[in-house]
Amino acid sequence: MTDEQWEAQNGSLSPDEAHARGLCWCCTGNRVLYTAFGGVQRKVDCHECGGTGKAAT
């Protein structure tokens, strides 16, 4: 999987769409963020929702 494909897993919802669905605006409900650089692919816990995937109230 390329770095671009890996990062595409973050989702494509806008912050408003994610919030309307009850999902975290940052990870779009994935609970993690996908990041890559130079072929090193990592998943990190979402700092906004603390890994719940839910929108903050």
N, C-alpha and C. Protein backbone atom coordinates (compact mmCIF):
# COMPACT_ATOMS: atom_id res chain seq x y z
N MET A 1 0.86 -1.17 0.00
CA MET A 1 0.00 0.00 0.00
C MET A 1 0.90 1.24 0.00
N THR A 2 0.59 2.20 -0.84
CA THR A 2 1.38 3.42 -0.89
C THR A 2 1.06 4.30 0.32
N ASP A 3 1.93 5.27 0.58
CA ASP A 3 1.69 6.20 1.68
C ASP A 3 0.37 6.94 1.48
N GLU A 4 0.07 7.31 0.24
CA GLU A 4 -1.16 8.04 -0.04
C GLU A 4 -2.39 7.17 0.23
N GLN A 5 -2.33 5.90 -0.14
CA GLN A 5 -3.43 4.98 0.12
C GLN A 5 -3.61 4.76 1.62
N TRP A 6 -2.50 4.66 2.33
CA TRP A 6 -2.54 4.48 3.78
C TRP A 6 -3.23 5.66 4.44
N GLU A 7 -2.82 6.87 4.08
CA GLU A 7 -3.40 8.07 4.68
C GLU A 7 -4.85 8.29 4.26
N ALA A 8 -5.26 7.77 3.12
CA ALA A 8 -6.64 7.91 2.66
C ALA A 8 -7.63 7.22 3.60
N GLN A 9 -7.13 6.31 4.43
CA GLN A 9 -7.99 5.63 5.40
C GLN A 9 -8.53 6.58 6.48
N ASN A 10 -7.99 7.78 6.56
CA ASN A 10 -8.47 8.75 7.54
C ASN A 10 -9.90 9.18 7.26
N GLY A 11 -10.37 9.01 6.06
CA GLY A 11 -11.75 9.37 5.73
C GLY A 11 -11.82 10.70 5.02
N SER A 12 -12.99 10.98 4.48
CA SER A 12 -13.14 12.20 3.68
C SER A 12 -14.32 13.05 4.14
N LEU A 13 -14.83 12.79 5.33
CA LEU A 13 -15.95 13.59 5.82
C LEU A 13 -15.46 14.97 6.25
N SER A 14 -16.28 15.97 5.99
CA SER A 14 -15.96 17.30 6.51
C SER A 14 -16.25 17.29 8.01
N PRO A 15 -15.69 18.23 8.76
CA PRO A 15 -15.99 18.29 10.19
C PRO A 15 -17.50 18.39 10.48
N ASP A 16 -18.23 19.14 9.67
CA ASP A 16 -19.67 19.27 9.88
C ASP A 16 -20.40 17.95 9.64
N GLU A 17 -20.00 17.22 8.59
CA GLU A 17 -20.63 15.92 8.29
C GLU A 17 -20.34 14.91 9.41
N ALA A 18 -19.10 14.88 9.87
CA ALA A 18 -18.73 13.95 10.94
C ALA A 18 -19.54 14.25 12.20
N HIS A 19 -19.61 15.53 12.56
CA HIS A 19 -20.35 15.91 13.76
C HIS A 19 -21.83 15.56 13.64
N ALA A 20 -22.42 15.77 12.47
CA ALA A 20 -23.83 15.44 12.25
C ALA A 20 -24.09 13.94 12.42
N ARG A 21 -23.09 13.12 12.16
CA ARG A 21 -23.21 11.67 12.32
C ARG A 21 -22.80 11.19 13.70
N GLY A 22 -22.40 12.14 14.56
CA GLY A 22 -21.97 11.78 15.91
C GLY A 22 -20.55 11.25 15.98
N LEU A 23 -19.76 11.54 14.94
CA LEU A 23 -18.39 11.05 14.88
C LEU A 23 -17.40 12.16 15.19
N CYS A 24 -16.24 11.77 15.64
CA CYS A 24 -15.16 12.72 15.87
C CYS A 24 -14.79 13.39 14.56
N TRP A 25 -14.61 14.70 14.58
CA TRP A 25 -14.29 15.45 13.37
C TRP A 25 -12.88 15.15 12.87
N CYS A 26 -12.00 14.73 13.76
CA CYS A 26 -10.59 14.55 13.40
C CYS A 26 -10.33 13.18 12.78
N CYS A 27 -10.84 12.12 13.40
CA CYS A 27 -10.60 10.76 12.89
C CYS A 27 -11.80 10.19 12.14
N THR A 28 -12.87 10.95 12.03
CA THR A 28 -14.12 10.55 11.37
C THR A 28 -14.62 9.19 11.84
N GLY A 29 -14.44 8.93 13.13
CA GLY A 29 -14.96 7.70 13.72
C GLY A 29 -14.03 6.51 13.68
N ASN A 30 -12.84 6.66 13.09
CA ASN A 30 -11.90 5.55 12.99
C ASN A 30 -11.18 5.23 14.30
N ARG A 31 -11.19 6.16 15.23
CA ARG A 31 -10.52 6.05 16.53
C ARG A 31 -9.01 6.22 16.43
N VAL A 32 -8.45 6.15 15.24
CA VAL A 32 -7.02 6.34 15.03
C VAL A 32 -6.81 7.23 13.81
N LEU A 33 -5.61 7.77 13.71
CA LEU A 33 -5.21 8.54 12.54
C LEU A 33 -4.10 7.78 11.82
N TYR A 34 -4.18 7.77 10.51
CA TYR A 34 -3.19 7.07 9.70
C TYR A 34 -2.21 8.09 9.15
N THR A 35 -0.93 7.85 9.37
CA THR A 35 0.09 8.76 8.90
C THR A 35 1.23 7.97 8.28
N ALA A 36 1.90 8.57 7.32
CA ALA A 36 3.00 7.88 6.65
C ALA A 36 3.99 8.90 6.11
N PHE A 37 5.24 8.50 6.11
CA PHE A 37 6.28 9.32 5.50
C PHE A 37 7.42 8.41 5.09
N GLY A 38 7.80 8.47 3.85
CA GLY A 38 8.92 7.68 3.36
C GLY A 38 8.72 6.19 3.49
N GLY A 39 7.49 5.73 3.36
CA GLY A 39 7.21 4.31 3.43
C GLY A 39 7.00 3.77 4.84
N VAL A 40 7.17 4.62 5.84
CA VAL A 40 6.91 4.21 7.23
C VAL A 40 5.47 4.58 7.54
N GLN A 41 4.63 3.56 7.73
CA GLN A 41 3.20 3.76 7.95
C GLN A 41 2.86 3.47 9.40
N ARG A 42 2.12 4.42 10.02
CA ARG A 42 1.79 4.29 11.44
C ARG A 42 0.34 4.64 11.69
N LYS A 43 -0.19 4.06 12.75
CA LYS A 43 -1.50 4.42 13.27
C LYS A 43 -1.26 5.01 14.65
N VAL A 44 -1.89 6.15 14.91
CA VAL A 44 -1.78 6.77 16.22
C VAL A 44 -3.18 7.04 16.75
N ASP A 45 -3.34 6.93 18.06
CA ASP A 45 -4.64 7.22 18.67
C ASP A 45 -5.03 8.65 18.38
N CYS A 46 -6.31 8.86 18.11
CA CYS A 46 -6.80 10.20 17.85
C CYS A 46 -6.73 11.01 19.14
N HIS A 47 -6.12 12.16 19.06
CA HIS A 47 -5.96 13.03 20.23
C HIS A 47 -7.23 13.82 20.54
N GLU A 48 -8.10 14.00 19.58
CA GLU A 48 -9.32 14.79 19.81
C GLU A 48 -10.38 14.03 20.60
N CYS A 49 -10.59 12.76 20.26
CA CYS A 49 -11.65 11.99 20.92
C CYS A 49 -11.09 10.99 21.93
N GLY A 50 -9.78 10.91 22.04
CA GLY A 50 -9.17 9.97 22.96
C GLY A 50 -9.35 8.51 22.54
N GLY A 51 -9.61 8.29 21.27
CA GLY A 51 -9.74 6.94 20.75
C GLY A 51 -11.15 6.36 20.82
N THR A 52 -12.15 7.21 21.10
CA THR A 52 -13.54 6.70 21.14
C THR A 52 -14.20 6.74 19.79
N GLY A 53 -13.77 7.65 18.92
CA GLY A 53 -14.40 7.83 17.61
C GLY A 53 -15.67 8.64 17.64
N LYS A 54 -16.06 9.10 18.83
CA LYS A 54 -17.32 9.83 18.98
C LYS A 54 -17.07 11.34 19.06
N ALA A 55 -18.07 12.08 18.62
CA ALA A 55 -17.99 13.54 18.65
C ALA A 55 -18.01 14.02 20.10
N ALA A 56 -17.24 15.06 20.36
CA ALA A 56 -17.27 15.70 21.68
C ALA A 56 -18.58 16.44 21.85
N THR A 57 -19.10 16.41 23.03
CA THR A 57 -20.38 17.10 23.28
C THR A 57 -20.18 18.50 23.77
